Amino acid sequence: MRPQKPRNYLAQFYSANDNALPRMRKANILARAIYPKSGVKSFATMQIRIVGLHEKGAIIQSKAIEFLPEHFYICLGAGEIFFTCAQKNIIKGEMVVAFSEAEDSFFIEALSRLVLPLASLSGIRDACPPIVQARMRTKGRPTVTI
């Protein structure tokens, strides 16, 4: 048996097989960021656009992105799908966020393929893939509690 050739010490950082990174999918989804107001038991909202999605987070854009707190919710549709998020980085009007829990890759793939970013999810419920429909909340269910 032949001894293996020693690998360069940098190979551990650049090898595609050793470091499986989540694949970023392009998206164009209009959503809302919901966050608690300071000192008041109510929530404020900000319109955002999701421009990139992967299982563990997203890239969002907004004119006032720097005013979002470190922890907030992303709401899709009329309160139908929520993601709990934490701010990771802000670069030139874009924010990289991490989800509190990794999402299913089929669900993220289906969301990235939505073609009507301005429509409410309930309005296009029948056009959504079944995995997105299964995640939608029905009206009347509580969505966010303090």
Protein backbone atom coordinates (compact mmCIF):
# COMPACT_ATOMS: atom_id res chain seq x y z
CA MET A 1 0.00 0.00 0.00
CA ARG A 2 1.29 3.40 -1.00
CA PRO A 3 1.39 6.19 1.58
CA GLN A 4 -0.94 9.07 0.76
CA LYS A 5 0.63 12.28 -0.40
CA PRO A 6 0.28 14.91 2.34
CA ARG A 7 -2.33 17.53 1.53
CA ASN A 8 -1.64 21.22 1.63
CA TYR A 9 -2.78 22.65 4.97
CA LEU A 10 -5.10 25.10 3.12
CA ALA A 11 -6.97 22.23 1.45
CA GLN A 12 -9.15 21.78 4.52
CA PHE A 13 -10.56 25.29 4.02
CA TYR A 14 -11.14 25.19 0.26
CA SER A 15 -12.17 21.62 -0.47
CA ALA A 16 -15.73 21.42 -1.76
CA ASN A 17 -16.27 17.98 -0.23
CA ASP A 18 -15.14 18.97 3.25
CA ASN A 19 -17.14 22.20 3.63
CA ALA A 20 -20.71 21.77 2.47
CA LEU A 21 -22.17 25.29 2.33
CA PRO A 22 -25.87 25.96 1.76
CA ARG A 23 -26.69 26.97 -1.79
CA MET A 24 -28.05 30.51 -2.10
CA ARG A 25 -31.09 30.71 -4.39
CA LYS A 26 -32.11 33.97 -6.06
CA ALA A 27 -35.54 35.18 -5.04
CA ASN A 28 -37.79 38.18 -5.54
CA ILE A 29 -40.32 38.08 -2.72
CA LEU A 30 -41.97 41.09 -1.14
CA ALA A 31 -42.37 40.54 2.60
CA ARG A 32 -42.64 42.36 5.92
CA ALA A 33 -40.20 42.48 8.80
CA ILE A 34 -42.06 42.50 12.12
CA TYR A 35 -40.31 43.55 15.31
CA PRO A 36 -41.38 44.65 18.80
CA LYS A 37 -41.49 48.37 19.51
CA SER A 38 -39.27 49.42 22.37
CA GLY A 39 -41.16 50.01 25.60
CA VAL A 40 -44.56 49.12 24.14
CA LYS A 41 -46.23 45.72 23.85
CA SER A 42 -46.92 46.07 20.14
CA PHE A 43 -45.15 45.41 16.90
CA ALA A 44 -43.83 47.61 14.10
CA THR A 45 -43.49 46.51 10.50
CA MET A 46 -41.17 47.36 7.64
CA GLN A 47 -41.52 46.36 4.00
CA ILE A 48 -38.58 44.29 2.78
CA ARG A 49 -37.64 42.34 -0.32
CA ILE A 50 -36.06 38.90 -0.05
CA VAL A 51 -33.44 38.64 -2.80
CA GLY A 52 -31.67 35.46 -1.71
CA LEU A 53 -32.74 32.34 0.19
CA HIS A 54 -31.08 29.26 1.60
CA GLU A 55 -31.97 26.72 4.26
CA LYS A 56 -30.29 28.61 7.11
CA GLY A 57 -31.04 32.23 6.19
CA ALA A 58 -31.72 34.91 3.62
CA ILE A 59 -30.54 38.17 2.11
CA ILE A 60 -33.04 41.01 2.42
CA GLN A 61 -33.19 44.59 1.12
CA SER A 62 -34.99 47.70 2.33
CA LYS A 63 -34.49 51.45 2.27
CA ALA A 64 -34.30 51.59 6.07
CA ILE A 65 -32.62 48.23 6.69
CA GLU A 66 -30.26 49.65 9.32
CA PHE A 67 -33.22 50.36 11.64
CA LEU A 68 -34.17 46.70 12.02
CA PRO A 69 -33.24 45.25 15.42
CA GLU A 70 -30.97 42.24 15.83
CA HIS A 71 -33.92 39.84 16.22
CA PHE A 72 -37.15 40.06 14.19
CA TYR A 73 -39.66 38.05 12.16
CA ILE A 74 -40.07 37.86 8.39
CA CYS A 75 -43.72 37.56 7.42
CA LEU A 76 -44.77 36.30 3.98
CA GLY A 77 -48.25 36.97 2.69
CA ALA A 78 -50.98 38.16 5.03
CA GLY A 79 -49.49 36.50 8.11
CA GLU A 80 -49.35 33.09 6.50
CA ILE A 81 -45.66 32.16 6.85
CA PHE A 82 -43.26 33.41 9.54
CA PHE A 83 -39.49 33.05 9.93
CA THR A 84 -37.73 33.99 13.17
CA CYS A 85 -34.52 35.79 12.19
CA ALA A 86 -31.33 37.19 13.62
CA GLN A 87 -29.22 39.85 11.91
CA LYS A 88 -25.79 38.66 10.83
CA ASN A 89 -24.38 41.42 8.65
CA ILE A 90 -25.39 44.62 6.81
CA ILE A 91 -23.65 45.52 3.55
CA LYS A 92 -24.74 48.39 1.26
CA GLY A 93 -28.49 48.29 1.97
CA GLU A 94 -28.66 44.50 2.19
CA MET A 95 -28.88 42.45 5.35
CA VAL A 96 -27.81 38.86 5.76
CA VAL A 97 -30.05 37.11 8.27
CA ALA A 98 -29.99 33.68 9.89
CA PHE A 99 -33.15 31.69 10.59
CA SER A 100 -33.65 30.32 14.10
CA GLU A 101 -34.17 26.85 12.60
CA ALA A 102 -32.93 25.45 9.30
CA GLU A 103 -35.74 25.18 6.77
CA ASP A 104 -36.48 22.27 4.46
CA SER A 105 -34.59 22.58 1.17
CA PHE A 106 -37.71 21.67 -0.88
CA PHE A 107 -39.63 24.46 0.87
CA ILE A 108 -36.88 27.02 0.18
CA GLU A 109 -36.63 25.90 -3.45
CA ALA A 110 -40.41 26.29 -3.88
CA LEU A 111 -40.38 29.77 -2.33
CA SER A 112 -37.54 30.91 -4.57
CA ARG A 113 -39.60 29.90 -7.62
CA LEU A 114 -42.65 32.03 -6.74
CA VAL A 115 -43.34 34.26 -9.73
CA LEU A 116 -45.81 36.72 -8.21
CA PRO A 117 -43.82 38.53 -5.52
CA LEU A 118 -46.43 41.26 -4.95
CA ALA A 119 -49.40 38.92 -4.47
CA SER A 120 -50.57 37.69 -1.10
CA LEU A 121 -49.88 34.01 -0.64
CA SER A 122 -53.57 33.36 0.00
CA GLY A 123 -54.40 34.87 -3.40
CA ILE A 124 -52.07 32.45 -5.16
CA ARG A 125 -52.61 29.48 -2.81
CA ASP A 126 -53.61 27.13 -5.63
CA ALA A 127 -50.62 28.17 -7.75
CA CYS A 128 -48.12 27.53 -4.94
CA PRO A 129 -46.33 24.19 -4.71
CA PRO A 130 -47.89 21.81 -2.14
CA ILE A 131 -44.98 22.19 0.28
CA VAL A 132 -45.59 25.96 0.47
CA GLN A 133 -49.35 25.43 0.86
CA ALA A 134 -48.73 23.06 3.77
CA ARG A 135 -46.72 25.75 5.59
CA MET A 136 -49.35 28.50 5.20
CA ARG A 137 -51.28 29.42 8.34
CA THR A 138 -55.04 29.55 8.22
CA LYS A 139 -56.80 32.77 9.14
CA GLY A 140 -57.83 33.02 12.77
CA ARG A 141 -54.79 31.24 14.20
CA PRO A 142 -52.56 33.34 16.45
CA THR A 143 -49.31 34.13 14.71
CA VAL A 144 -46.97 35.98 17.06
CA THR A 145 -47.27 36.20 20.81
CA ILE A 146 -45.29 38.24 23.28
